C-alpha atoms as a PDB file:
ATOM      1  CA  UNK A   1       0.135  -0.136   0.275  1.00  0.00           C
ATOM      2  CA  UNK A   2       2.992   2.219   0.728  1.00  0.00           C
ATOM      3  CA  UNK A   3       4.525   1.691  -2.930  1.00  0.00           C
ATOM      4  CA  UNK A   4       1.164   2.392  -4.426  1.00  0.00           C
ATOM      5  CA  UNK A   5       0.859   5.614  -2.257  1.00  0.00           C
ATOM      6  CA  UNK A   6       4.778   6.666  -3.310  1.00  0.00           C
ATOM      7  CA  UNK A   7       3.651   6.093  -6.760  1.00  0.00           C
ATOM      8  CA  UNK A   8       0.827   7.940  -6.989  1.00  0.00           C
ATOM      9  CA  UNK A   9       2.372  10.930  -4.808  1.00  0.00           C
ATOM     10  CA  UNK A  10       5.255  11.564  -7.579  1.00  0.00           C
ATOM     11  CA  UNK A  11       2.938  11.156 -10.394  1.00  0.00           C
ATOM     12  CA  UNK A  12       0.702  13.705  -8.944  1.00  0.00           C
ATOM     13  CA  UNK A  13       3.945  15.640  -7.872  1.00  0.00           C
ATOM     14  CA  UNK A  14       5.714  15.143 -11.554  1.00  0.00           C
ATOM     15  CA  UNK A  15       2.350  16.277 -13.123  1.00  0.00           C
ATOM     16  CA  UNK A  16       2.461  19.921 -11.214  1.00  0.00           C
ATOM     17  CA  UNK A  17       6.200  20.274 -12.000  1.00  0.00           C
ATOM     18  CA  UNK A  18       5.432  19.621 -15.539  1.00  0.00           C
ATOM     19  CA  UNK A  19       2.463  22.039 -15.936  1.00  0.00           C
ATOM     20  CA  UNK A  20       4.242  24.880 -13.621  1.00  0.00           C
ATOM     21  CA  UNK A  21       7.482  24.484 -16.364  1.00  0.00           C
ATOM     22  CA  UNK A  22       4.848  24.897 -19.297  1.00  0.00           C
ATOM     23  CA  UNK A  23       6.924  28.043 -21.447  1.00  0.00           C
ATOM     24  CA  UNK A  24       3.858  27.295 -24.342  1.00  0.00           C
ATOM     25  CA  UNK A  25       2.621  30.882 -25.300  1.00  0.00           C
ATOM     26  CA  UNK A  26      -1.045  31.458 -27.243  1.00  0.00           C
ATOM     27  CA  UNK A  27      -0.700  32.809 -30.443  1.00  0.00           C
ATOM     28  CA  UNK A  28      -3.135  33.529 -33.068  1.00  0.00           C
ATOM     29  CA  UNK A  29      -4.122  30.814 -35.788  1.00  0.00           C
ATOM     30  CA  UNK A  30      -6.459  30.536 -38.325  1.00  0.00           C
ATOM     31  CA  UNK A  31      -9.824  28.380 -37.900  1.00  0.00           C
ATOM     32  CA  UNK A  32     -10.377  27.798 -41.880  1.00  0.00           C
ATOM     33  CA  UNK A  33      -8.332  28.769 -45.075  1.00  0.00           C
ATOM     34  CA  UNK A  34      -7.826  31.944 -46.178  1.00  0.00           C
ATOM     35  CA  UNK A  35      -6.937  33.767 -49.244  1.00  0.00           C
ATOM     36  CA  UNK A  36      -4.849  36.581 -50.243  1.00  0.00           C
ATOM     37  CA  UNK A  37      -6.717  40.126 -49.996  1.00  0.00           C
ATOM     38  CA  UNK A  38     -10.048  38.476 -47.853  1.00  0.00           C
ATOM     39  CA  UNK A  39     -11.042  40.713 -45.430  1.00  0.00           C
ATOM     40  CA  UNK A  40      -9.405  39.459 -41.778  1.00  0.00           C
ATOM     41  CA  UNK A  41     -12.732  38.270 -39.768  1.00  0.00           C
ATOM     42  CA  UNK A  42     -12.784  37.643 -35.898  1.00  0.00           C
ATOM     43  CA  UNK A  43     -14.426  34.060 -36.572  1.00  0.00           C
ATOM     44  CA  UNK A  44     -11.408  33.080 -38.676  1.00  0.00           C
ATOM     45  CA  UNK A  45      -8.933  33.481 -35.768  1.00  0.00           C
ATOM     46  CA  UNK A  46      -8.410  31.250 -32.729  1.00  0.00           C
ATOM     47  CA  UNK A  47      -6.009  31.053 -29.849  1.00  0.00           C
ATOM     48  CA  UNK A  48      -3.409  28.048 -30.226  1.00  0.00           C
ATOM     49  CA  UNK A  49      -1.245  27.239 -27.633  1.00  0.00           C
ATOM     50  CA  UNK A  50       2.082  26.332 -28.785  1.00  0.00           C
ATOM     51  CA  UNK A  51       5.970  26.530 -28.150  1.00  0.00           C
ATOM     52  CA  UNK A  52       7.957  28.203 -30.341  1.00  0.00           C
ATOM     53  CA  UNK A  53      12.075  28.411 -29.897  1.00  0.00           C
ATOM     54  CA  UNK A  54      14.767  30.922 -30.909  1.00  0.00           C
ATOM     55  CA  UNK A  55      14.034  33.928 -33.103  1.00  0.00           C
ATOM     56  CA  UNK A  56      10.651  32.049 -34.548  1.00  0.00           C
ATOM     57  CA  UNK A  57       8.126  33.387 -31.710  1.00  0.00           C
ATOM     58  CA  UNK A  58       8.899  36.780 -32.881  1.00  0.00           C
ATOM     59  CA  UNK A  59       7.313  36.224 -36.082  1.00  0.00           C
ATOM     60  CA  UNK A  60       3.965  35.225 -35.104  1.00  0.00           C
ATOM     61  CA  UNK A  61       1.322  37.088 -33.487  1.00  0.00           C
ATOM     62  CA  UNK A  62       0.932  36.527 -29.853  1.00  0.00           C
ATOM     63  CA  UNK A  63      -3.019  36.846 -28.301  1.00  0.00           C
ATOM     64  CA  UNK A  64      -2.017  39.536 -26.292  1.00  0.00           C
ATOM     65  CA  UNK A  65      -0.662  41.543 -29.058  1.00  0.00           C
ATOM     66  CA  UNK A  66      -2.443  43.969 -30.856  1.00  0.00           C
ATOM     67  CA  UNK A  67      -2.576  44.103 -34.573  1.00  0.00           C
ATOM     68  CA  UNK A  68      -1.421  46.938 -36.606  1.00  0.00           C
ATOM     69  CA  UNK A  69      -4.882  48.374 -37.178  1.00  0.00           C
ATOM     70  CA  UNK A  70      -8.624  47.202 -36.328  1.00  0.00           C
ATOM     71  CA  UNK A  71      -9.709  43.680 -37.672  1.00  0.00           C
ATOM     72  CA  UNK A  72     -12.199  46.104 -40.004  1.00  0.00           C
ATOM     73  CA  UNK A  73      -9.184  47.624 -41.797  1.00  0.00           C
ATOM     74  CA  UNK A  74      -6.892  44.636 -42.252  1.00  0.00           C
ATOM     75  CA  UNK A  75      -6.853  42.297 -45.069  1.00  0.00           C
ATOM     76  CA  UNK A  76      -5.004  39.097 -45.757  1.00  0.00           C
ATOM     77  CA  UNK A  77      -1.748  39.459 -47.199  1.00  0.00           C
ATOM     78  CA  UNK A  78      -1.200  35.869 -48.356  1.00  0.00           C
ATOM     79  CA  UNK A  79      -3.047  32.731 -48.165  1.00  0.00           C
ATOM     80  CA  UNK A  80      -2.991  30.382 -45.080  1.00  0.00           C
ATOM     81  CA  UNK A  81      -4.463  26.682 -43.973  1.00  0.00           C
ATOM     82  CA  UNK A  82      -6.232  25.987 -41.290  1.00  0.00           C
ATOM     83  CA  UNK A  83      -4.508  25.509 -38.434  1.00  0.00           C
ATOM     84  CA  UNK A  84      -2.055  27.996 -39.537  1.00  0.00           C
ATOM     85  CA  UNK A  85      -0.558  30.265 -36.780  1.00  0.00           C
ATOM     86  CA  UNK A  86      -0.762  34.072 -37.987  1.00  0.00           C
ATOM     87  CA  UNK A  87       2.267  35.687 -39.096  1.00  0.00           C
ATOM     88  CA  UNK A  88       3.431  39.156 -38.185  1.00  0.00           C
ATOM     89  CA  UNK A  89       3.368  39.533 -42.503  1.00  0.00           C
ATOM     90  CA  UNK A  90       0.233  37.716 -42.951  1.00  0.00           C
ATOM     91  CA  UNK A  91      -2.147  40.744 -42.612  1.00  0.00           C
ATOM     92  CA  UNK A  92      -1.928  44.137 -44.402  1.00  0.00           C
ATOM     93  CA  UNK A  93      -4.009  47.398 -43.804  1.00  0.00           C
ATOM     94  CA  UNK A  94      -6.692  47.191 -46.594  1.00  0.00           C
ATOM     95  CA  UNK A  95      -5.276  50.627 -47.922  1.00  0.00           C
ATOM     96  CA  UNK A  96      -1.442  49.038 -47.755  1.00  0.00           C
ATOM     97  CA  UNK A  97      -3.171  46.618 -50.890  1.00  0.00           C
ATOM     98  CA  UNK A  98      -3.056  47.534 -54.663  1.00  0.00           C
ATOM     99  CA  UNK A  99      -4.367  45.550 -56.811  1.00  0.00           C
ATOM    100  CA  UNK A 100      -4.655  45.595 -60.791  1.00  0.00           C
ATOM    101  CA  UNK A 101      -6.157  43.682 -63.280  1.00  0.00           C
ATOM    102  CA  UNK A 102      -4.750  41.172 -65.531  1.00  0.00           C
ATOM    103  CA  UNK A 103      -5.911  39.730 -68.576  1.00  0.00           C
ATOM    104  CA  UNK A 104      -5.416  36.359 -69.828  1.00  0.00           C
ATOM    105  CA  UNK A 105      -5.971  34.625 -72.842  1.00  0.00           C
ATOM    106  CA  UNK A 106      -7.042  31.156 -72.291  1.00  0.00           C
ATOM    107  CA  UNK A 107      -7.557  28.724 -75.032  1.00  0.00           C
ATOM    108  CA  UNK A 108     -10.261  26.412 -75.099  1.00  0.00           C
ATOM    109  CA  UNK A 109     -10.208  23.612 -72.570  1.00  0.00           C
ATOM    110  CA  UNK A 110      -7.603  25.313 -70.914  1.00  0.00           C
ATOM    111  CA  UNK A 111      -9.844  26.341 -67.590  1.00  0.00           C
ATOM    112  CA  UNK A 112     -12.361  24.815 -66.076  1.00  0.00           C
ATOM    113  CA  UNK A 113     -16.013  25.062 -68.061  1.00  0.00           C
ATOM    114  CA  UNK A 114     -17.850  26.466 -65.516  1.00  0.00           C
ATOM    115  CA  UNK A 115     -15.331  29.183 -64.214  1.00  0.00           C
ATOM    116  CA  UNK A 116     -17.015  32.064 -63.253  1.00  0.00           C
ATOM    117  CA  UNK A 117     -16.357  35.403 -61.346  1.00  0.00           C
ATOM    118  CA  UNK A 118     -15.255  35.090 -57.720  1.00  0.00           C
ATOM    119  CA  UNK A 119     -13.665  31.555 -58.437  1.00  0.00           C
ATOM    120  CA  UNK A 120      -9.729  31.367 -57.343  1.00  0.00           C
ATOM    121  CA  UNK A 121      -7.159  30.027 -59.570  1.00  0.00           C
ATOM    122  CA  UNK A 122      -3.544  29.287 -60.215  1.00  0.00           C
ATOM    123  CA  UNK A 123      -2.066  30.474 -63.267  1.00  0.00           C
ATOM    124  CA  UNK A 124       0.151  28.043 -64.937  1.00  0.00           C
ATOM    125  CA  UNK A 125       1.978  28.757 -68.008  1.00  0.00           C
ATOM    126  CA  UNK A 126       3.838  25.862 -70.434  1.00  0.00           C
ATOM    127  CA  UNK A 127       4.365  24.952 -73.534  1.00  0.00           C
ATOM    128  CA  UNK A 128       1.097  25.062 -76.168  1.00  0.00           C
ATOM    129  CA  UNK A 129       0.227  22.601 -78.723  1.00  0.00           C
ATOM    130  CA  UNK A 130       2.435  23.098 -81.748  1.00  0.00           C
ATOM    131  CA  UNK A 131       5.712  23.945 -79.071  1.00  0.00           C
ATOM    132  CA  UNK A 132       8.809  21.811 -78.671  1.00  0.00           C
ATOM    133  CA  UNK A 133       8.003  18.514 -76.411  1.00  0.00           C
ATOM    134  CA  UNK A 134       9.581  18.883 -72.856  1.00  0.00           C
ATOM    135  CA  UNK A 135       9.160  22.079 -71.921  1.00  0.00           C
ATOM    136  CA  UNK A 136       7.887  22.738 -68.257  1.00  0.00           C
ATOM    137  CA  UNK A 137       4.888  24.184 -67.032  1.00  0.00           C
ATOM    138  CA  UNK A 138       5.383  27.263 -64.026  1.00  0.00           C
ATOM    139  CA  UNK A 139       2.958  28.121 -61.871  1.00  0.00           C
ATOM    140  CA  UNK A 140       3.214  32.081 -62.087  1.00  0.00           C
ATOM    141  CA  UNK A 141       0.481  33.081 -60.128  1.00  0.00           C
ATOM    142  CA  UNK A 142      -1.389  31.220 -56.782  1.00  0.00           C
ATOM    143  CA  UNK A 143      -4.604  32.079 -55.908  1.00  0.00           C
ATOM    144  CA  UNK A 144      -5.988  35.156 -57.886  1.00  0.00           C
ATOM    145  CA  UNK A 145      -9.750  35.725 -58.126  1.00  0.00           C
ATOM    146  CA  UNK A 146     -11.290  35.858 -61.381  1.00  0.00           C
ATOM    147  CA  UNK A 147     -13.255  39.127 -62.052  1.00  0.00           C
ATOM    148  CA  UNK A 148     -14.544  37.967 -65.644  1.00  0.00           C
ATOM    149  CA  UNK A 149     -14.955  35.096 -67.218  1.00  0.00           C
ATOM    150  CA  UNK A 150     -14.983  35.218 -71.025  1.00  0.00           C
ATOM    151  CA  UNK A 151     -16.589  32.068 -71.694  1.00  0.00           C
ATOM    152  CA  UNK A 152     -19.946  33.435 -72.823  1.00  0.00           C
ATOM    153  CA  UNK A 153     -18.484  36.144 -75.170  1.00  0.00           C
ATOM    154  CA  UNK A 154     -16.250  33.426 -76.533  1.00  0.00           C
ATOM    155  CA  UNK A 155     -18.803  30.866 -77.515  1.00  0.00           C
ATOM    156  CA  UNK A 156     -20.948  33.189 -78.955  1.00  0.00           C
ATOM    157  CA  UNK A 157     -18.200  34.664 -81.342  1.00  0.00           C
ATOM    158  CA  UNK A 158     -16.988  31.079 -81.930  1.00  0.00           C
ATOM    159  CA  UNK A 159     -13.731  32.068 -80.684  1.00  0.00           C
ATOM    160  CA  UNK A 160     -11.157  29.127 -79.460  1.00  0.00           C
ATOM    161  CA  UNK A 161      -9.559  31.525 -76.948  1.00  0.00           C
ATOM    162  CA  UNK A 162     -11.253  33.519 -74.238  1.00  0.00           C
ATOM    163  CA  UNK A 163      -9.954  36.545 -72.414  1.00  0.00           C
ATOM    164  CA  UNK A 164     -10.253  35.737 -68.644  1.00  0.00           C
ATOM    165  CA  UNK A 165      -9.873  38.976 -66.356  1.00  0.00           C
ATOM    166  CA  UNK A 166      -7.690  38.254 -63.035  1.00  0.00           C
ATOM    167  CA  UNK A 167      -7.343  40.335 -59.900  1.00  0.00           C
ATOM    168  CA  UNK A 168      -3.463  40.664 -58.902  1.00  0.00           C
ATOM    169  CA  UNK A 169      -1.703  42.065 -56.064  1.00  0.00           C
ATOM    170  CA  UNK A 170       1.209  44.648 -56.747  1.00  0.00           C
ATOM    171  CA  UNK A 171       3.767  42.443 -54.982  1.00  0.00           C
ATOM    172  CA  UNK A 172       2.798  39.352 -57.118  1.00  0.00           C
ATOM    173  CA  UNK A 173       2.495  41.064 -60.549  1.00  0.00           C
ATOM    174  CA  UNK A 174       5.853  41.918 -62.215  1.00  0.00           C
ATOM    175  CA  UNK A 175       7.125  42.122 -65.553  1.00  0.00           C
ATOM    176  CA  UNK A 176       8.558  38.154 -65.755  1.00  0.00           C
ATOM    177  CA  UNK A 177       4.899  37.564 -64.820  1.00  0.00           C
ATOM    178  CA  UNK A 178       3.717  39.442 -67.733  1.00  0.00           C
ATOM    179  CA  UNK A 179       5.999  38.498 -69.880  1.00  0.00           C
ATOM    180  CA  UNK A 180       5.355  34.892 -69.107  1.00  0.00           C
ATOM    181  CA  UNK A 181       1.917  34.981 -69.555  1.00  0.00           C
ATOM    182  CA  UNK A 182       1.950  36.676 -72.647  1.00  0.00           C
ATOM    183  CA  UNK A 183       4.211  34.138 -74.158  1.00  0.00           C
ATOM    184  CA  UNK A 184       3.413  30.889 -73.067  1.00  0.00           C
ATOM    185  CA  UNK A 185       0.295  28.602 -73.181  1.00  0.00           C
ATOM    186  CA  UNK A 186      -2.071  29.763 -70.250  1.00  0.00           C
ATOM    187  CA  UNK A 187      -3.866  27.008 -68.070  1.00  0.00           C
ATOM    188  CA  UNK A 188      -6.195  27.706 -64.737  1.00  0.00           C
ATOM    189  CA  UNK A 189      -6.482  25.485 -62.167  1.00  0.00           C
ATOM    190  CA  UNK A 190      -9.374  26.151 -60.033  1.00  0.00           C
ATOM    191  CA  UNK A 191      -8.132  25.984 -56.266  1.00  0.00           C
ATOM    192  CA  UNK A 192     -10.643  25.416 -53.302  1.00  0.00           C
END
């Protein structure tokens, strides 16, 4: 009986010592997947208790820290998957984001047939029909929002290509992106 009491006492004492030495901190994480440019909503945020070592702790937003502006004035700077910690660079003021409209010439069959306004797509560019085989496709834009799908206009005119208008932030849009989409075969892949 004495042995059982000693083991039980040691277990309780060990649990209390471990709980007292818990150096984990609560950080903000996202409760569901978020996309770049979407507004930051309170229901997207949930506390997560984690232990980060070294300089990594300074890269994420603790729940006892304030964001740089009220949530109503913030948007997501880049996408985050459900459960991801919110980095200090993950949110920006709405006024800090400059968006551009990029038209893409997409041939028939190189985009989902039911593509519509509001869909999110990855933009891939690679060799097209008639180009040298063996060229590799590259993803030039990730999770961009479709502003206008030219499918109906293309079908009415009998064209084999449609112009799809996507919204791109100035950080992602550069001369290399524009020259790549202008010179290659564009394929749009819907992301969920």
